[in-house]
Amino acid sequence: MSYVPRIDESSCIAQGDCVELVPDVFQLDDFAKVVGTGPDELILAAARECPVEAISVFDSETGAQLYP
Protein backbone atom coordinates (compact mmCIF):
# COMPACT_ATOMS: atom_id res chain seq x y z
CA MET A 1 0.00 0.00 0.00
CA SER A 2 1.10 3.54 -0.63
CA TYR A 3 -0.54 6.83 0.23
CA VAL A 4 -1.66 9.39 -2.32
CA PRO A 5 -2.16 12.96 -1.11
CA ARG A 6 -4.61 15.35 -2.74
CA ILE A 7 -4.79 19.08 -2.15
CA ASP A 8 -8.05 21.00 -1.95
CA GLU A 9 -6.83 24.13 -3.72
CA SER A 10 -9.79 26.20 -2.53
CA SER A 11 -8.94 25.42 1.12
CA CYS A 12 -5.14 25.71 0.96
CA ILE A 13 -3.74 28.86 2.60
CA ALA A 14 -0.17 28.22 1.37
CA GLN A 15 1.35 28.07 4.85
CA GLY A 16 3.95 25.58 3.62
CA ASP A 17 4.13 23.09 6.50
CA CYS A 18 3.68 20.23 4.04
CA VAL A 19 6.60 21.46 1.92
CA GLU A 20 8.85 21.71 4.97
CA LEU A 21 7.98 18.16 6.05
CA VAL A 22 8.09 16.45 2.65
CA PRO A 23 9.67 18.63 -0.07
CA ASP A 24 9.89 15.66 -2.45
CA VAL A 25 6.09 15.36 -2.38
CA PHE A 26 4.81 18.94 -2.05
CA GLN A 27 5.68 22.22 -3.74
CA LEU A 28 4.35 25.67 -2.90
CA ASP A 29 3.23 28.18 -5.51
CA ASP A 30 -0.04 30.05 -5.01
CA PHE A 31 -1.11 26.94 -3.10
CA ALA A 32 0.45 23.58 -2.29
CA LYS A 33 0.78 21.07 -5.13
CA VAL A 34 1.61 17.37 -5.14
CA VAL A 35 4.77 16.90 -7.22
CA GLY A 36 6.05 13.46 -6.21
CA THR A 37 5.87 10.53 -3.88
CA GLY A 38 7.34 9.85 -0.51
CA PRO A 39 7.12 7.79 2.65
CA ASP A 40 3.56 7.08 3.73
CA GLU A 41 4.18 8.18 7.31
CA LEU A 42 5.50 11.57 6.16
CA ILE A 43 2.59 12.13 3.78
CA LEU A 44 0.18 11.41 6.62
CA ALA A 45 2.16 13.68 8.97
CA ALA A 46 2.01 16.52 6.43
CA ALA A 47 -1.74 16.11 6.11
CA ARG A 48 -2.14 16.20 9.88
CA GLU A 49 0.01 19.35 10.14
CA CYS A 50 -2.08 21.28 7.63
CA PRO A 51 -3.91 23.93 9.69
CA VAL A 52 -6.95 23.93 7.39
CA GLU A 53 -7.07 20.19 6.52
CA ALA A 54 -6.54 20.94 2.84
CA ILE A 55 -4.67 17.64 2.34
CA SER A 56 -6.60 14.41 1.99
CA VAL A 57 -4.78 11.08 1.93
CA PHE A 58 -5.95 8.04 -0.03
CA ASP A 59 -4.85 4.42 -0.31
CA SER A 60 -3.43 3.96 -3.81
CA GLU A 61 -4.71 0.37 -4.09
CA THR A 62 -8.26 0.68 -2.77
CA GLY A 63 -8.94 4.38 -3.22
CA ALA A 64 -10.15 4.51 0.38
CA GLN A 65 -9.78 7.86 2.09
CA LEU A 66 -7.43 7.52 5.05
CA TYR A 67 -7.33 11.13 6.23
CA PRO A 68 -9.18 13.24 7.30
PDB file of N, CA and C in Angstrom:
ATOM      1  N   MET A   1       0.845  -1.174   0.000  1.00  0.00           N
ATOM      2  CA  MET A   1       0.000   0.000   0.000  1.00  0.00           C
ATOM      3  C   MET A   1       0.886   1.232   0.000  1.00  0.00           C
ATOM      4  N   SER A   2       0.437   2.244  -0.726  1.00  0.00           N
ATOM      5  CA  SER A   2       1.104   3.536  -0.634  1.00  0.00           C
ATOM      6  C   SER A   2       0.035   4.620  -0.577  1.00  0.00           C
ATOM      7  N   TYR A   3       0.400   5.743   0.013  1.00  0.00           N
ATOM      8  CA  TYR A   3      -0.544   6.829   0.231  1.00  0.00           C
ATOM      9  C   TYR A   3      -0.436   7.856  -0.884  1.00  0.00           C
ATOM     10  N   VAL A   4      -1.579   8.367  -1.284  1.00  0.00           N
ATOM     11  CA  VAL A   4      -1.658   9.386  -2.318  1.00  0.00           C
ATOM     12  C   VAL A   4      -2.308  10.624  -1.711  1.00  0.00           C
ATOM     13  N   PRO A   5      -1.573  11.737  -1.632  1.00  0.00           N
ATOM     14  CA  PRO A   5      -2.165  12.965  -1.111  1.00  0.00           C
ATOM     15  C   PRO A   5      -2.875  13.747  -2.215  1.00  0.00           C
ATOM     16  N   ARG A   6      -3.914  14.443  -1.833  1.00  0.00           N
ATOM     17  CA  ARG A   6      -4.615  15.348  -2.745  1.00  0.00           C
ATOM     18  C   ARG A   6      -4.840  16.660  -2.009  1.00  0.00           C
ATOM     19  N   ILE A   7      -4.652  17.747  -2.725  1.00  0.00           N
ATOM     20  CA  ILE A   7      -4.787  19.081  -2.151  1.00  0.00           C
ATOM     21  C   ILE A   7      -6.120  19.693  -2.586  1.00  0.00           C
ATOM     22  N   ASP A   8      -6.867  20.209  -1.641  1.00  0.00           N
ATOM     23  CA  ASP A   8      -8.054  21.002  -1.949  1.00  0.00           C
ATOM     24  C   ASP A   8      -7.571  22.432  -2.142  1.00  0.00           C
ATOM     25  N   GLU A   9      -7.409  22.830  -3.399  1.00  0.00           N
ATOM     26  CA  GLU A   9      -6.832  24.131  -3.715  1.00  0.00           C
ATOM     27  C   GLU A   9      -7.649  25.290  -3.146  1.00  0.00           C
ATOM     28  N   SER A  10      -8.949  25.110  -3.047  1.00  0.00           N
ATOM     29  CA  SER A  10      -9.791  26.197  -2.533  1.00  0.00           C
ATOM     30  C   SER A  10      -9.639  26.367  -1.019  1.00  0.00           C
ATOM     31  N   SER A  11      -9.133  25.343  -0.336  1.00  0.00           N
ATOM     32  CA  SER A  11      -8.936  25.425   1.116  1.00  0.00           C
ATOM     33  C   SER A  11      -7.513  25.798   1.509  1.00  0.00           C
ATOM     34  N   CYS A  12      -6.551  25.505   0.647  1.00  0.00           N
ATOM     35  CA  CYS A  12      -5.139  25.707   0.965  1.00  0.00           C
ATOM     36  C   CYS A  12      -4.837  27.188   1.185  1.00  0.00           C
ATOM     37  N   ILE A  13      -4.148  27.478   2.297  1.00  0.00           N
ATOM     38  CA  ILE A  13      -3.743  28.857   2.600  1.00  0.00           C
ATOM     39  C   ILE A  13      -2.248  29.083   2.362  1.00  0.00           C
ATOM     40  N   ALA A  14      -1.586  28.111   1.764  1.00  0.00           N
ATOM     41  CA  ALA A  14      -0.172  28.218   1.375  1.00  0.00           C
ATOM     42  C   ALA A  14       0.748  28.506   2.548  1.00  0.00           C
ATOM     43  N   GLN A  15       0.480  27.887   3.685  1.00  0.00           N
ATOM     44  CA  GLN A  15       1.351  28.074   4.847  1.00  0.00           C
ATOM     45  C   GLN A  15       2.686  27.363   4.652  1.00  0.00           C
ATOM     46  N   GLY A  16       2.697  26.236   3.975  1.00  0.00           N
ATOM     47  CA  GLY A  16       3.948  25.581   3.619  1.00  0.00           C
ATOM     48  C   GLY A  16       4.450  24.516   4.565  1.00  0.00           C
ATOM     49  N   ASP A  17       3.684  24.145   5.587  1.00  0.00           N
ATOM     50  CA  ASP A  17       4.129  23.088   6.501  1.00  0.00           C
ATOM     51  C   ASP A  17       4.379  21.783   5.758  1.00  0.00           C
ATOM     52  N   CYS A  18       3.534  21.478   4.790  1.00  0.00           N
ATOM     53  CA  CYS A  18       3.682  20.234   4.037  1.00  0.00           C
ATOM     54  C   CYS A  18       4.994  20.224   3.242  1.00  0.00           C
ATOM     55  N   VAL A  19       5.353  21.361   2.690  1.00  0.00           N
ATOM     56  CA  VAL A  19       6.597  21.460   1.916  1.00  0.00           C
ATOM     57  C   VAL A  19       7.810  21.282   2.821  1.00  0.00           C
ATOM     58  N   GLU A  20       7.743  21.855   4.021  1.00  0.00           N
ATOM     59  CA  GLU A  20       8.846  21.708   4.969  1.00  0.00           C
ATOM     60  C   GLU A  20       9.020  20.259   5.402  1.00  0.00           C
ATOM     61  N   LEU A  21       7.914  19.553   5.602  1.00  0.00           N
ATOM     62  CA  LEU A  21       7.981  18.158   6.045  1.00  0.00           C
ATOM     63  C   LEU A  21       8.399  17.202   4.941  1.00  0.00           C
ATOM     64  N   VAL A  22       7.855  17.402   3.741  1.00  0.00           N
ATOM     65  CA  VAL A  22       8.091  16.448   2.648  1.00  0.00           C
ATOM     66  C   VAL A  22       8.296  17.199   1.325  1.00  0.00           C
ATOM     67  N   PRO A  23       9.443  17.839   1.145  1.00  0.00           N
ATOM     68  CA  PRO A  23       9.672  18.628  -0.070  1.00  0.00           C
ATOM     69  C   PRO A  23       9.711  17.809  -1.358  1.00  0.00           C
ATOM     70  N   ASP A  24       9.924  16.504  -1.252  1.00  0.00           N
ATOM     71  CA  ASP A  24       9.892  15.660  -2.449  1.00  0.00           C
ATOM     72  C   ASP A  24       8.469  15.392  -2.925  1.00  0.00           C
ATOM     73  N   VAL A  25       7.488  15.645  -2.053  1.00  0.00           N
ATOM     74  CA  VAL A  25       6.094  15.362  -2.379  1.00  0.00           C
ATOM     75  C   VAL A  25       5.309  16.645  -2.679  1.00  0.00           C
ATOM     76  N   PHE A  26       5.588  17.706  -1.923  1.00  0.00           N
ATOM     77  CA  PHE A  26       4.806  18.936  -2.046  1.00  0.00           C
ATOM     78  C   PHE A  26       5.671  20.099  -2.509  1.00  0.00           C
ATOM     79  N   GLN A  27       5.039  20.986  -3.266  1.00  0.00           N
ATOM     80  CA  GLN A  27       5.680  22.216  -3.739  1.00  0.00           C
ATOM     81  C   GLN A  27       4.692  23.350  -3.495  1.00  0.00           C
ATOM     82  N   LEU A  28       5.202  24.528  -3.209  1.00  0.00           N
ATOM     83  CA  LEU A  28       4.349  25.666  -2.904  1.00  0.00           C
ATOM     84  C   LEU A  28       4.460  26.711  -3.992  1.00  0.00           C
ATOM     85  N   ASP A  29       3.342  27.055  -4.584  1.00  0.00           N
ATOM     86  CA  ASP A  29       3.232  28.185  -5.507  1.00  0.00           C
ATOM     87  C   ASP A  29       2.169  29.101  -4.901  1.00  0.00           C
ATOM     88  N   ASP A  30       1.078  29.308  -5.589  1.00  0.00           N
ATOM     89  CA  ASP A  30      -0.044  30.053  -5.009  1.00  0.00           C
ATOM     90  C   ASP A  30      -0.736  29.219  -3.943  1.00  0.00           C
ATOM     91  N   PHE A  31      -0.607  27.908  -4.073  1.00  0.00           N
ATOM     92  CA  PHE A  31      -1.114  26.943  -3.105  1.00  0.00           C
ATOM     93  C   PHE A  31      -0.222  25.717  -3.200  1.00  0.00           C
ATOM     94  N   ALA A  32      -0.369  24.790  -2.272  1.00  0.00           N
ATOM     95  CA  ALA A  32       0.451  23.577  -2.294  1.00  0.00           C
ATOM     96  C   ALA A  32       0.031  22.687  -3.464  1.00  0.00           C
ATOM     97  N   LYS A  33       1.008  22.005  -4.035  1.00  0.00           N
ATOM     98  CA  LYS A  33       0.775  21.067  -5.133  1.00  0.00           C
ATOM     99  C   LYS A  33       1.518  19.776  -4.822  1.00  0.00           C
ATOM    100  N   VAL A  34       0.946  18.664  -5.266  1.00  0.00           N
ATOM    101  CA  VAL A  34       1.612  17.369  -5.142  1.00  0.00           C
ATOM    102  C   VAL A  34       2.505  17.208  -6.363  1.00  0.00           C
ATOM    103  N   VAL A  35       3.815  16.993  -6.114  1.00  0.00           N
ATOM    104  CA  VAL A  35       4.773  16.903  -7.216  1.00  0.00           C
ATOM    105  C   VAL A  35       5.548  15.588  -7.236  1.00  0.00           C
ATOM    106  N   GLY A  36       5.299  14.710  -6.258  1.00  0.00           N
ATOM    107  CA  GLY A  36       6.049  13.465  -6.213  1.00  0.00           C
ATOM    108  C   GLY A  36       5.464  12.502  -5.202  1.00  0.00           C
ATOM    109  N   THR A  37       6.273  11.528  -4.866  1.00  0.00           N
ATOM    110  CA  THR A  37       5.867  10.530  -3.882  1.00  0.00           C
ATOM    111  C   THR A  37       6.875  10.510  -2.746  1.00  0.00           C
ATOM    112  N   GLY A  38       6.459   9.909  -1.649  1.00  0.00           N
ATOM    113  CA  GLY A  38       7.341   9.846  -0.507  1.00  0.00           C
ATOM    114  C   GLY A  38       6.850   8.821   0.482  1.00  0.00           C
ATOM    115  N   PRO A  39       7.502   8.750   1.621  1.00  0.00           N
ATOM    116  CA  PRO A  39       7.123   7.786   2.648  1.00  0.00           C
ATOM    117  C   PRO A  39       5.703   8.045   3.163  1.00  0.00           C
ATOM    118  N   ASP A  40       4.947   6.972   3.289  1.00  0.00           N
ATOM    119  CA  ASP A  40       3.557   7.079   3.735  1.00  0.00           C
ATOM    120  C   ASP A  40       3.427   7.842   5.044  1.00  0.00           C
ATOM    121  N   GLU A  41       4.301   7.544   6.002  1.00  0.00           N
ATOM    122  CA  GLU A  41       4.184   8.181   7.312  1.00  0.00           C
ATOM    123  C   GLU A  41       4.414   9.685   7.235  1.00  0.00           C
ATOM    124  N   LEU A  42       5.267  10.136   6.309  1.00  0.00           N
ATOM    125  CA  LEU A  42       5.500  11.573   6.163  1.00  0.00           C
ATOM    126  C   LEU A  42       4.355  12.257   5.435  1.00  0.00           C
ATOM    127  N   ILE A  43       3.762  11.579   4.465  1.00  0.00           N
ATOM    128  CA  ILE A  43       2.591  12.130   3.779  1.00  0.00           C
ATOM    129  C   ILE A  43       1.453  12.313   4.777  1.00  0.00           C
ATOM    130  N   LEU A  44       1.235  11.323   5.608  1.00  0.00           N
ATOM    131  CA  LEU A  44       0.184  11.412   6.623  1.00  0.00           C
ATOM    132  C   LEU A  44       0.501  12.514   7.644  1.00  0.00           C
ATOM    133  N   ALA A  45       1.753  12.632   8.030  1.00  0.00           N
ATOM    134  CA  ALA A  45       2.161  13.682   8.972  1.00  0.00           C
ATOM    135  C   ALA A  45       1.921  15.067   8.369  1.00  0.00           C
ATOM    136  N   ALA A  46       2.232  15.234   7.092  1.00  0.00           N
ATOM    137  CA  ALA A  46       2.013  16.522   6.435  1.00  0.00           C
ATOM    138  C   ALA A  46       0.527  16.866   6.402  1.00  0.00           C
ATOM    139  N   ALA A  47      -0.302  15.877   6.126  1.00  0.00           N
ATOM    140  CA  ALA A  47      -1.744  16.107   6.110  1.00  0.00           C
ATOM    141  C   ALA A  47      -2.234  16.514   7.493  1.00  0.00           C
ATOM    142  N   ARG A  48      -1.725  15.885   8.507  1.00  0.00           N
ATOM    143  CA  ARG A  48      -2.140  16.202   9.882  1.00  0.00           C
ATOM    144  C   ARG A  48      -1.655  17.584  10.324  1.00  0.00           C
ATOM    145  N   GLU A  49      -0.534  18.041   9.782  1.00  0.00           N
ATOM    146  CA  GLU A  49       0.010  19.345  10.141  1.00  0.00           C
ATOM    147  C   GLU A  49      -0.697  20.503   9.434  1.00  0.00           C
ATOM    148  N   CYS A  50      -1.408  20.217   8.370  1.00  0.00           N
ATOM    149  CA  CYS A  50      -2.084  21.285   7.628  1.00  0.00           C
ATOM    150  C   CYS A  50      -3.127  21.947   8.535  1.00  0.00           C
ATOM    151  N   PRO A  51      -3.010  23.256   8.745  1.00  0.00           N
ATOM    152  CA  PRO A  51      -3.907  23.931   9.685  1.00  0.00           C
ATOM    153  C   PRO A  51      -5.358  24.027   9.208  1.00  0.00           C
ATOM    154  N   VAL A  52      -5.590  23.821   7.921  1.00  0.00           N
ATOM    155  CA  VAL A  52      -6.949  23.930   7.385  1.00  0.00           C
ATOM    156  C   VAL A  52      -7.446  22.615   6.786  1.00  0.00           C
ATOM    157  N   GLU A  53      -6.726  21.524   7.034  1.00  0.00           N
ATOM    158  CA  GLU A  53      -7.071  20.191   6.518  1.00  0.00           C
ATOM    159  C   GLU A  53      -7.320  20.197   5.009  1.00  0.00           C
ATOM    160  N   ALA A  54      -6.428  20.877   4.288  1.00  0.00           N
ATOM    161  CA  ALA A  54      -6.545  20.944   2.835  1.00  0.00           C
ATOM    162  C   ALA A  54      -5.963  19.708   2.147  1.00  0.00           C
ATOM    163  N   ILE A  55      -5.299  18.838   2.905  1.00  0.00           N
ATOM    164  CA  ILE A  55      -4.673  17.643   2.335  1.00  0.00           C
ATOM    165  C   ILE A  55      -5.475  16.410   2.747  1.00  0.00           C
ATOM    166  N   SER A  56      -5.954  15.697   1.759  1.00  0.00           N
ATOM    167  CA  SER A  56      -6.602  14.409   1.992  1.00  0.00           C
ATOM    168  C   SER A  56      -5.627  13.326   1.568  1.00  0.00           C
ATOM    169  N   VAL A  57      -5.697  12.187   2.232  1.00  0.00           N
ATOM    170  CA  VAL A  57      -4.784  11.084   1.932  1.00  0.00           C
ATOM    171  C   VAL A  57      -5.615   9.853   1.580  1.00  0.00           C
ATOM    172  N   PHE A  58      -5.230   9.204   0.478  1.00  0.00           N
ATOM    173  CA  PHE A  58      -5.950   8.042  -0.029  1.00  0.00           C
ATOM    174  C   PHE A  58      -5.013   6.858  -0.183  1.00  0.00           C
ATOM    175  N   ASP A  59      -5.575   5.665  -0.061  1.00  0.00           N
ATOM    176  CA  ASP A  59      -4.851   4.421  -0.309  1.00  0.00           C
ATOM    177  C   ASP A  59      -4.788   4.230  -1.823  1.00  0.00           C
ATOM    178  N   SER A  60      -3.593   4.066  -2.366  1.00  0.00           N
ATOM    179  CA  SER A  60      -3.435   3.957  -3.813  1.00  0.00           C
ATOM    180  C   SER A  60      -4.062   2.696  -4.388  1.00  0.00           C
ATOM    181  N   GLU A  61      -4.169   1.639  -3.597  1.00  0.00           N
ATOM    182  CA  GLU A  61      -4.714   0.374  -4.086  1.00  0.00           C
ATOM    183  C   GLU A  61      -6.231   0.333  -4.036  1.00  0.00           C
ATOM    184  N   THR A  62      -6.808   0.791  -2.949  1.00  0.00           N
ATOM    185  CA  THR A  62      -8.256   0.678  -2.770  1.00  0.00           C
ATOM    186  C   THR A  62      -9.006   1.965  -3.067  1.00  0.00           C
ATOM    187  N   GLY A  63      -8.302   3.077  -3.035  1.00  0.00           N
ATOM    188  CA  GLY A  63      -8.940   4.384  -3.221  1.00  0.00           C
ATOM    189  C   GLY A  63      -9.607   4.886  -1.952  1.00  0.00           C
ATOM    190  N   ALA A  64      -9.524   4.123  -0.869  1.00  0.00           N
ATOM    191  CA  ALA A  64     -10.153   4.513   0.383  1.00  0.00           C
ATOM    192  C   ALA A  64      -9.491   5.766   0.942  1.00  0.00           C
ATOM    193  N   GLN A  65     -10.306   6.674   1.457  1.00  0.00           N
ATOM    194  CA  GLN A  65      -9.783   7.864   2.088  1.00  0.00           C
ATOM    195  C   GLN A  65      -9.302   7.521   3.476  1.00  0.00           C
ATOM    196  N   LEU A  66      -8.044   7.848   3.770  1.00  0.00           N
ATOM    197  CA  LEU A  66      -7.427   7.524   5.054  1.00  0.00           C
ATOM    198  C   LEU A  66      -7.373   8.715   5.996  1.00  0.00           C
ATOM    199  N   TYR A  67      -7.358   9.910   5.427  1.00  0.00           N
ATOM    200  CA  TYR A  67      -7.327  11.135   6.227  1.00  0.00           C
ATOM    201  C   TYR A  67      -7.924  12.265   5.425  1.00  0.00           C
ATOM    202  N   PRO A  68      -8.644  13.193   5.935  1.00  0.00           N
ATOM    203  CA  PRO A  68      -9.177  13.241   7.296  1.00  0.00           C
ATOM    204  C   PRO A  68     -10.383  12.333   7.419  1.00  0.00           C
TER     205      PRO A  68
END
